[in-house]
Amino acid sequence: MDLYNASMGEEMPEQIELTLEQYEEAKQHYQGIIDRAESARRLADNPDFKMLVMDGYLTNEPQRLADLMSSGRLNQMNLDNCTREMAAIGAFRNYMKMHVEQGNLARDELVGLEEAREEAILAEEAAAAAG
């Protein structure tokens, strides 16, 4: 798909040709993303991971760091370290969230890909029957 020309207002073709190889490649790509999302979900449901990471690191640790930072008893170096640790926790949280969100999008794309493939097969069968 040519998103650059589409953004310039140029017409897009009504039908996009998709070879079997491209279909298989896209399906494999989407399935890989879905598999990673499922791994993230399974991890989030694992009691040990939930206790150590979800509750311990992503919930309790930011609260502990915020308490330290707001105590007024830290020197600038320790305050900067707490800030970096908070940023790291946020980055990890976003990393996990990204996999779940990408998995949801990939599921939708895979459904669309399967529908397009089915339509192409039906169109080929209709053309063969007519010709």
C-alpha atoms as a PDB file:
ATOM      1  CA  MET A   1       0.000   0.000   0.000  1.00  0.00           C
ATOM      2  CA  ASP A   2       1.410   3.399  -0.987  1.00  0.00           C
ATOM      3  CA  LEU A   3       0.573   5.569   1.998  1.00  0.00           C
ATOM      4  CA  TYR A   4       2.698   8.451   0.724  1.00  0.00           C
ATOM      5  CA  ASN A   5       0.664   8.910  -2.466  1.00  0.00           C
ATOM      6  CA  ALA A   6      -2.567   8.322  -0.577  1.00  0.00           C
ATOM      7  CA  SER A   7      -1.683  11.159   1.784  1.00  0.00           C
ATOM      8  CA  MET A   8      -1.059  13.379  -1.245  1.00  0.00           C
ATOM      9  CA  GLY A   9      -4.659  12.849  -2.359  1.00  0.00           C
ATOM     10  CA  GLU A  10      -3.809  10.527  -5.227  1.00  0.00           C
ATOM     11  CA  GLU A  11      -6.205   7.697  -5.933  1.00  0.00           C
ATOM     12  CA  MET A  12      -5.523   4.267  -4.592  1.00  0.00           C
ATOM     13  CA  PRO A  13      -6.396   1.201  -6.667  1.00  0.00           C
ATOM     14  CA  GLU A  14      -9.691  -0.468  -5.760  1.00  0.00           C
ATOM     15  CA  GLN A  15      -8.108  -3.890  -5.439  1.00  0.00           C
ATOM     16  CA  ILE A  16      -4.673  -4.783  -4.139  1.00  0.00           C
ATOM     17  CA  GLU A  17      -3.097  -7.909  -5.580  1.00  0.00           C
ATOM     18  CA  LEU A  18      -1.712 -10.242  -2.939  1.00  0.00           C
ATOM     19  CA  THR A  19       0.408 -13.199  -3.933  1.00  0.00           C
ATOM     20  CA  LEU A  20       0.288 -16.412  -1.951  1.00  0.00           C
ATOM     21  CA  GLU A  21       3.848 -15.727  -0.776  1.00  0.00           C
ATOM     22  CA  GLN A  22       2.900 -12.230   0.431  1.00  0.00           C
ATOM     23  CA  TYR A  23      -0.171 -13.652   2.156  1.00  0.00           C
ATOM     24  CA  GLU A  24       1.878 -16.321   3.953  1.00  0.00           C
ATOM     25  CA  GLU A  25       4.517 -13.745   4.931  1.00  0.00           C
ATOM     26  CA  ALA A  26       1.918 -11.324   6.309  1.00  0.00           C
ATOM     27  CA  LYS A  27       0.095 -14.110   8.142  1.00  0.00           C
ATOM     28  CA  GLN A  28       3.348 -15.276   9.738  1.00  0.00           C
ATOM     29  CA  HIS A  29       4.224 -11.684  10.708  1.00  0.00           C
ATOM     30  CA  TYR A  30       0.846 -11.060  12.354  1.00  0.00           C
ATOM     31  CA  GLN A  31       0.930 -14.432  14.100  1.00  0.00           C
ATOM     32  CA  GLY A  32       4.330 -13.605  15.607  1.00  0.00           C
ATOM     33  CA  ILE A  33       2.957 -10.362  17.043  1.00  0.00           C
ATOM     34  CA  ILE A  34      -0.109 -12.187  18.375  1.00  0.00           C
ATOM     35  CA  ASP A  35       2.121 -14.832  19.974  1.00  0.00           C
ATOM     36  CA  ARG A  36       4.143 -12.160  21.805  1.00  0.00           C
ATOM     37  CA  ALA A  37       0.925 -10.536  23.030  1.00  0.00           C
ATOM     38  CA  GLU A  38      -0.287 -13.880  24.344  1.00  0.00           C
ATOM     39  CA  SER A  39       3.051 -14.363  26.124  1.00  0.00           C
ATOM     40  CA  ALA A  40       2.644 -10.962  27.788  1.00  0.00           C
ATOM     41  CA  ARG A  41      -0.891 -11.907  28.876  1.00  0.00           C
ATOM     42  CA  ARG A  42       0.242 -15.259  30.259  1.00  0.00           C
ATOM     43  CA  LEU A  43       3.040 -13.547  32.148  1.00  0.00           C
ATOM     44  CA  ALA A  44       0.615 -11.007  33.608  1.00  0.00           C
ATOM     45  CA  ASP A  45      -1.556 -13.889  34.841  1.00  0.00           C
ATOM     46  CA  ASN A  46       1.340 -15.877  36.312  1.00  0.00           C
ATOM     47  CA  PRO A  47       1.148 -15.570  40.125  1.00  0.00           C
ATOM     48  CA  ASP A  48       4.934 -15.263  40.586  1.00  0.00           C
ATOM     49  CA  PHE A  49       5.273 -12.649  37.841  1.00  0.00           C
ATOM     50  CA  LYS A  50       2.251 -10.838  39.203  1.00  0.00           C
ATOM     51  CA  MET A  51       3.714 -10.724  42.714  1.00  0.00           C
ATOM     52  CA  LEU A  52       7.276  -9.783  41.755  1.00  0.00           C
ATOM     53  CA  VAL A  53       6.804  -7.622  38.677  1.00  0.00           C
ATOM     54  CA  MET A  54       3.225  -6.413  38.312  1.00  0.00           C
ATOM     55  CA  ASP A  55       2.650  -5.641  41.993  1.00  0.00           C
ATOM     56  CA  GLY A  56       6.219  -5.388  43.290  1.00  0.00           C
ATOM     57  CA  TYR A  57       8.013  -3.531  40.508  1.00  0.00           C
ATOM     58  CA  LEU A  58       5.279  -1.756  38.540  1.00  0.00           C
ATOM     59  CA  THR A  59       3.067  -0.738  41.493  1.00  0.00           C
ATOM     60  CA  ASN A  60       4.909  -0.807  44.820  1.00  0.00           C
ATOM     61  CA  GLU A  61       8.328   0.377  43.637  1.00  0.00           C
ATOM     62  CA  PRO A  62       7.059   3.643  42.081  1.00  0.00           C
ATOM     63  CA  GLN A  63       5.167   4.347  45.287  1.00  0.00           C
ATOM     64  CA  ARG A  64       8.300   3.714  47.354  1.00  0.00           C
ATOM     65  CA  LEU A  65      10.378   5.940  45.075  1.00  0.00           C
ATOM     66  CA  ALA A  66       7.763   8.702  45.143  1.00  0.00           C
ATOM     67  CA  ASP A  67       7.720   8.570  48.954  1.00  0.00           C
ATOM     68  CA  LEU A  68      11.515   8.859  49.017  1.00  0.00           C
ATOM     69  CA  MET A  69      11.508  11.717  46.524  1.00  0.00           C
ATOM     70  CA  SER A  70       8.845  13.652  48.404  1.00  0.00           C
ATOM     71  CA  SER A  71      10.516  13.153  51.788  1.00  0.00           C
ATOM     72  CA  GLY A  72      12.873  16.072  51.214  1.00  0.00           C
ATOM     73  CA  ARG A  73      15.727  14.028  52.709  1.00  0.00           C
ATOM     74  CA  LEU A  74      17.488  13.008  49.495  1.00  0.00           C
ATOM     75  CA  ASN A  75      20.514  14.750  48.052  1.00  0.00           C
ATOM     76  CA  GLN A  76      20.426  15.686  44.355  1.00  0.00           C
ATOM     77  CA  MET A  77      22.318  12.585  43.210  1.00  0.00           C
ATOM     78  CA  ASN A  78      19.873  10.217  44.958  1.00  0.00           C
ATOM     79  CA  LEU A  79      16.923  12.250  43.695  1.00  0.00           C
ATOM     80  CA  ASP A  80      18.254  11.946  40.133  1.00  0.00           C
ATOM     81  CA  ASN A  81      18.703   8.182  40.608  1.00  0.00           C
ATOM     82  CA  CYS A  82      15.087   7.860  41.789  1.00  0.00           C
ATOM     83  CA  THR A  83      13.934   9.816  38.745  1.00  0.00           C
ATOM     84  CA  ARG A  84      15.869   7.485  36.420  1.00  0.00           C
ATOM     85  CA  GLU A  85      14.425   4.434  38.169  1.00  0.00           C
ATOM     86  CA  MET A  86      10.895   5.815  37.757  1.00  0.00           C
ATOM     87  CA  ALA A  87      11.563   6.386  34.050  1.00  0.00           C
ATOM     88  CA  ALA A  88      12.859   2.807  33.703  1.00  0.00           C
ATOM     89  CA  ILE A  89       9.738   1.422  35.371  1.00  0.00           C
ATOM     90  CA  GLY A  90       7.578   3.475  33.015  1.00  0.00           C
ATOM     91  CA  ALA A  91       9.541   2.248  30.000  1.00  0.00           C
ATOM     92  CA  PHE A  92       9.085  -1.378  31.038  1.00  0.00           C
ATOM     93  CA  ARG A  93       5.368  -0.853  31.680  1.00  0.00           C
ATOM     94  CA  ASN A  94       5.015   0.682  28.193  1.00  0.00           C
ATOM     95  CA  TYR A  95       6.990  -2.188  26.670  1.00  0.00           C
ATOM     96  CA  MET A  96       4.595  -4.754  28.115  1.00  0.00           C
ATOM     97  CA  LYS A  97       1.545  -2.685  27.194  1.00  0.00           C
ATOM     98  CA  MET A  98       2.843  -2.223  23.641  1.00  0.00           C
ATOM     99  CA  HIS A  99       2.911  -5.989  23.070  1.00  0.00           C
ATOM    100  CA  VAL A 100      -0.705  -6.375  24.167  1.00  0.00           C
ATOM    101  CA  GLU A 101      -1.867  -3.434  22.033  1.00  0.00           C
ATOM    102  CA  GLN A 102       0.078  -4.609  18.987  1.00  0.00           C
ATOM    103  CA  GLY A 103      -1.391  -8.077  19.454  1.00  0.00           C
ATOM    104  CA  ASN A 104      -4.911  -6.658  19.375  1.00  0.00           C
ATOM    105  CA  LEU A 105      -4.130  -4.748  16.179  1.00  0.00           C
ATOM    106  CA  ALA A 106      -2.481  -7.794  14.601  1.00  0.00           C
ATOM    107  CA  ARG A 107      -5.568  -9.919  15.363  1.00  0.00           C
ATOM    108  CA  ASP A 108      -7.717  -7.391  13.498  1.00  0.00           C
ATOM    109  CA  GLU A 109      -5.253  -7.248  10.600  1.00  0.00           C
ATOM    110  CA  LEU A 110      -5.131 -11.037  10.419  1.00  0.00           C
ATOM    111  CA  VAL A 111      -8.925 -11.213  10.217  1.00  0.00           C
ATOM    112  CA  GLY A 112      -8.852  -8.670   7.368  1.00  0.00           C
ATOM    113  CA  LEU A 113      -6.085 -10.594   5.632  1.00  0.00           C
ATOM    114  CA  GLU A 114      -8.045 -13.849   5.869  1.00  0.00           C
ATOM    115  CA  GLU A 115     -11.180 -12.137   4.528  1.00  0.00           C
ATOM    116  CA  ALA A 116      -9.236 -10.646   1.609  1.00  0.00           C
ATOM    117  CA  ARG A 117      -7.718 -14.030   0.806  1.00  0.00           C
ATOM    118  CA  GLU A 118     -11.140 -15.693   0.906  1.00  0.00           C
ATOM    119  CA  GLU A 119     -12.561 -13.016  -1.418  1.00  0.00           C
ATOM    120  CA  ALA A 120      -9.670 -13.543  -3.840  1.00  0.00           C
ATOM    121  CA  ILE A 121     -10.259 -17.310  -3.874  1.00  0.00           C
ATOM    122  CA  LEU A 122     -13.986 -16.817  -4.510  1.00  0.00           C
ATOM    123  CA  ALA A 123     -13.246 -14.328  -7.307  1.00  0.00           C
ATOM    124  CA  GLU A 124     -10.813 -16.781  -8.938  1.00  0.00           C
ATOM    125  CA  GLU A 125     -13.387 -19.588  -8.702  1.00  0.00           C
ATOM    126  CA  ALA A 126     -16.089 -17.363 -10.204  1.00  0.00           C
ATOM    127  CA  ALA A 127     -13.786 -16.301 -13.043  1.00  0.00           C
ATOM    128  CA  ALA A 128     -12.864 -19.930 -13.740  1.00  0.00           C
ATOM    129  CA  ALA A 129     -16.513 -20.962 -13.749  1.00  0.00           C
ATOM    130  CA  ALA A 130     -17.465 -18.122 -16.108  1.00  0.00           C
ATOM    131  CA  GLY A 131     -14.565 -18.664 -18.480  1.00  0.00           C
END
